[in-house]
Amino acid sequence: MATRLIAPERAVLTVAADNPDCHQSIASALAAANDGDVISIRPGIYRESLTVDRAVSLSGVGDAGEVRIESATGAAIRSAAVEVRVSGVTIARDGGDVAVDVESGALSLDDCTVEASTEVALVVRAEAQLSMHDTNVLNDAGAGVLVYEGGRTEIVGGRLHDIATTALVVRGPSSAHLTDSAIDAVQGGLLVADGGQLTLVRGTIGSVENAAITVEGGASLDASGTLIADGDGIGVLVTTGASATLRDVAMQRLGGQGIVGMADAVVELARVRIDDGATHALHLIERARLTAEACELRGAGHDAIVVAGTASLTLLDSTIERPAGAGVTASDDATAALTNVRVVDADAEGAVARDAARLAVDGGSVRGSSVGVAWQDSATGALRRTRMVDVGDEVRIGPDAEVEVEQPQDAVDDDAQDGAPALPRGVETAGAPPERPGQDELDRLLAELDELVGLDSVKRQVETLVRMHQMAERRAEAGLPSPPVSRHLVFAGSPGTGKTTVARLYGRILAALGVVRTGQLVEVARPDLVAAVIGGTAIKTSEQFGKALGGVLFIDEAYALSKDGGSSNDFGGEAIDTLVKLMEDHRDDVVVIVAGYTNDMRTFMAANPGLSSRFSRTIEFTDYSSAEMVTIVENLCRGNHYSLEFETRAALHDYFTKLPRDETFGNGRTARKVFEEMLGRQAYRLGNAAEVDSLTLTRLVPDDLGPLPGSSIGAGVGRVDEERVEQLLGTLRELVGLDDVKEEVQGMVDLLTSARRRQAAGLPAPSLSRHLIFAGPPGTGKTTVARLYGSLLTALGVLAQGQVTEVSRADLVGEYVGHTARRTTEAFDRARGGVLFIDEAYTLASGGGNGADFGKESVDTLVKLMEDHRDEVVVIAAGYEREMDQFLATNPGLDSRFSHRVRFANYTPDELVTIVNQHATGSGYECTGSTVAALRGHFASVDRTASFGNGRYARQVMDAAIANHARRTRTIEDPTMDDLVLLLPEDVPAPEAIGA
C-alpha cells in the first residue's frame, strides 16, 4: 500500500470516480481544498490535466499503478504552490512537451511512476524544487528530467529508464543531487552544462547508448560510490571548462572511453577502477588536466591512457594492467607524469612519448611489456628508479629525444660505469616503405577513369594531377626540389555526377603513385563527424580521420558543416577546426576530398581561414548532357540484359532534354531512377500477356517511358479524381459566407487544372505556388478551408495524401537551443504528402518573449524544408492580416514562397445567425422567427474588435442560448416537444454576457 500523507489537523478530501458521495475528479477536489489538506485518490484512471496552486498532498490509495493520472492536453501535473506532495500515483502523458511541470515552489514525488511520451518527462523551472523518492521515470519520446534557470532537484532511490534521449539534464545555475538511484536503458545518461552542479552518490548507470555522464560549459560533477557499466559510449565526458571529481567510482565493459577530458577540463580521480573497456580508459586532449591517485585501469581495448594536444596527466600510486596497446601514450605537446605506477602485461610499450610530448616516469615498475618506456621524435622527459621486469627493450630513445635516465640499482648492467645511465637495449627503426603497385596498375586505373560517361574536364584535371606527382618524383630523383602539389581537393557540382566514384579511383591512383600508403576511401558526411554534445565532435572527427590515414577521406555535402541551423553550439565549426589541425598534423599520410554544390562549397571554404590554403584546387563536376544521360541508361540496360529500341533512345533523349534541371537534379541518380521506372512500366505492360518470348522481355519501348515530372507546383503526375474534385468544391460552396475565399480557392483549382492540361498537351506549365497565406480574424473558417484545400490537391493528383497537420508556435519552437530545428523538421515530416497548417504563424516572428530568437530559427528551417520538399508538402500560414506581414518579413525567402494570399473577412450578422441555426439544428434545437430576429440584433450590436471570434463567437452564443433554455424549462413539469426544442428570444444572451 502507498503511504498516505495524512496529518490529524488536515482535512481529507476523497476522490472516487465511481462513488457519487466523493469528488468525481481530482480537479474538483483541488478546487475545494485549502492549504494543508490531503486529497485521497481511490484506484482508477483519471484523465485530467491538473494545475496545483495550493499546498496540498495527493495520496494514491491501493497498490502501485492502481491510481493513474493521464493527460492528453497539457502537463498531467503543473505544480505552482509552495509545497506539493504526491505519493502512490502513476502520472502519464502521451504527446506534447512535458508530463510534470514544476513551475514554482516545491514538488515532492514519493513512490510514484512517471510514464511519458513527451519532449521532457519532468521540467523544473527557475528557482523551483523537485524531490523524488523511490520514483520511476520513463519516456519513450524524449528526455527524463530537465532542471534549468536555477531549479533544484533531489532524487533518492528510484529509477530513470527506457528514456529516448537523456535521463537527466541540468543547465544554468541549477543543481541536482542523486543518491542510490539507477539509470539504465537510455540514450544519454546525465548531462550537466552551463555552470550547473551535479552530485552523484552510490548510483548505478548502465546500458547507455551515448556518454553516461557529460559535464560541459563550466559545470561541475561530484561522483562517489557509483558504478557505470555496459554502455555503448563514453563513461564520463568533461569538456569546455567543466570540472569533475570522482571518488570510489567503477566503470566496466564500456564501448567508448572510460573518461574523456578536453577543452580546459579539470578532472580529479581517487580510487577509480576502469575494467575491460573497448578503447582507452583515460583520454585527454586539447588543454585538459587530470590528476589521478590510487586508480586501477585493467583490460583496456587500446592504449590505456592517451594524452594529446596540450593536455596534462598526473598519475600517482596506480596500476595499469593488460591494455591491448600501450599503458600510457603522450603525443603532440602533452605532459604526462607517472609516480609509483605499475604497468603490467601491456601489448605495446609500458609508456611512450611522441612528437614534442614530455613523459616523466618516477618509481613504479613495468612488467611483461614488449618495450618498457619509449621516447620518439623530439619528445623529452625522465626515467627515474623504475623497475623493468620481463620486458623486451627496457628503454627506447629516439635520436632527437632528450631524456634523463636513472635506473634502480638492481636493474643496472654490470658493465655500466657507476653513475652512468644505462644505454637502451635497442632503438626502434622505421620499417621499409610499402611496395608500389607499379605502372601497370596505374594505367589500368586511368583507363577505368576514362571509361566513365562524360566528365571530360574532370578526367583531364585528374590526369594533370597524376602527371604533376610523377614529375615531382622525377625531380626528387634528380636531386631537384619538388614543386608543391596540393593533394587535397574540392569536388564541386550537382549530385549524381560521379564525385564519389572519381574520389574512390583517385585514392587508388595515388596509392599506385606511392603518394599514399593504402588508398582506401573513407566516406563520411556531417552525422559521421558531428556529435550531439559539446566536445564529442572532435572525438568523432578524429576517429573518422584515423580510419582514412594512408588513404582518402571523402566528406560528402561538406558545406553542411558550416550550416548549424541557427544553433549557438557550432558543432559543425568544431569539426572543421579539428579537420584543419589533423590535415596539418598528418599532411603526408592522408588526402581529404570535400564535395558539394558549387555555391555551398564557397560558403564552406570561408568557414575557416585555414581551409583555402589546404584546398587550393577545385575540380568542377558539370551536369550530364542529355546524350550522356541516355548513355548511362544504355549502360544500365547492358548490365541488366535489357535493350533500347531506336525509338526509345530518341524518346529518352527528348525526355532528358525537357526534364527540369534545378539544384536538386540528380544526374546519374536521375538516369537510374528513370531506368528503374521503365522496368516497372514494362512489367505492368507485359503482366497480362499469356505468352512472352525472351526477346520481348529484354526490349524497352517508348511506352515504357513515363511522363515528365512537374516542373512547377501544379504539374503533379497523380491520378485526377474529377468526381471528388466537384464534390469537394460543392462542400466549399456550402460553407456560410466566405465568398472571396471560395472565389480564390476555385481560382487556384482552375490554375492547377489548366497547368495539368497544358502539360499533357506538351505545352510549358506555368510556375504556380501552392503555399498560401490565410489572413484574417479568428473563427472565420481558415482551418476548415485548409482541410478542404488539402483534399482538393489530393483529388487533383498534386498531393499524395492530403492530410492537414495543424501546428502552432508551441509545436515548432523548442525551449532550449538546438531543439527548434528538430521539432520543426518533425512537424514538417508529419505533413509529407499533405498540408502543414501553421496557426497564428506570426508568433514565430515575435520571439515569444524569449531572449533567444527560436521562432526565427523555426522560420529559417521551414524555408529550407519548403525548398527541399516543394513537391511533397503545401504550407498554409494563418493569422491576423497585419501580423502576417511581420511574419513574411522574418526571412527574405518567405515572400517568394507565399506568393498568394487568401483573405478571410468577418462574418456578417446574417451569416452568424445562419451559423447558429446550423449548430442548433445539428444539436436538435430550432429557432423561431422572433429568435432569429433577436440573434440578428445581438450580432449587429456586438463590437467587432481585432480578436472577435466570428464562428467561435456564434458557437458561444448558441451554447449560452441552450443553457438559458435548459434553465427556463427546468421548472416545467410536463414539457411538450416544442418546449424541449424551441429556442425563444429570451434564451438569446445579452452581448455583455458573452466575451467577444
Foldseek 3Di string as FASTA:
>chain_A
DKDFPDDPVAAEAEEDCPDPVGNNAVQVVLVVHAAPHEYEYEFDEHADQDERAHHYEYEYDDAAPRAEQEYAPDASYEYHYQEYEYERYEFEYEEEAEHYEDPAHEYEYENYEYEYQHQEHYEFEAHYEYEYEQYEYAYQHHEYYEYENAYEYEYEEYEYANHEEEHYEYEAQYEYEYENYEYEHYQEYYEYEQAYEYEAELYEYEAYAEENYEYEHQYEYEYENYEYEHYQYEDYEYEHNYEYEYEHYEYEAYNYEDYEYEHNYEYEEEAYEYEQYLAEPYEYEAAYEYEYEAYEYENHNEANYEHEHQYEYEYELYEYEAYQAEPYEYEDAYEYEYAQYEYEQHAAEPYEYEDAYEYEYEEHEYENYQEHYEYDDAYEYEAAAYYYYNYNKDYAYYPNYYYHYYYHPVPADPPDDPPDHDDIPDYDDDDDADDAPDDVQLVVLLVVVVPAQDPVLVSVVLVVLLVLLVVQVVCVVVVHHRDDRQQAAEEADFAQLCPVVVQQSSLSNCSNSVQFRPAHEQEEEDVQQFDPDPPVNLVSLVVSVVVQFRHEYEYEPLLVLVDDLQFPRSRSLVSVVSVLVVCVVRVRGYYYYYYDHPVSVVVVCVSDVSSCVNHVYYRYRYADQLLSLLVLLQVVLVVVQAHEDPQQSVLSSVQVVPADDDRNDNRSVVSVVQSVQLLVLLCVVCVPPPDDDPNSNRYGYNVSGDAHAAPALLAHDADAQVVQLVVLLVVVVPAQDQPLLSVVLVVVLVLSVVQNVCVVVVHHGDHDFLAAEEAAAAQLCPVVVQQSSLSNCVNGNQFVPADEQEDEPSQQFDPDGPVNLVSLVVSVVVQWRHEYEYEQLLVLLVCVPDPRSRSLSSVVSVLVVCVVPVSTYHYYYYDHPVSVVSNCVSDVSSCVNHVYYRYGYADQLLSLLVLLQVVLVVVQAHEDPQLSVLSSVQRVPADDDRNDNRSVQSVVQSVQLLVLLCVVCVPPPDDDPCSVHYRYSVSGDHNVVGDD
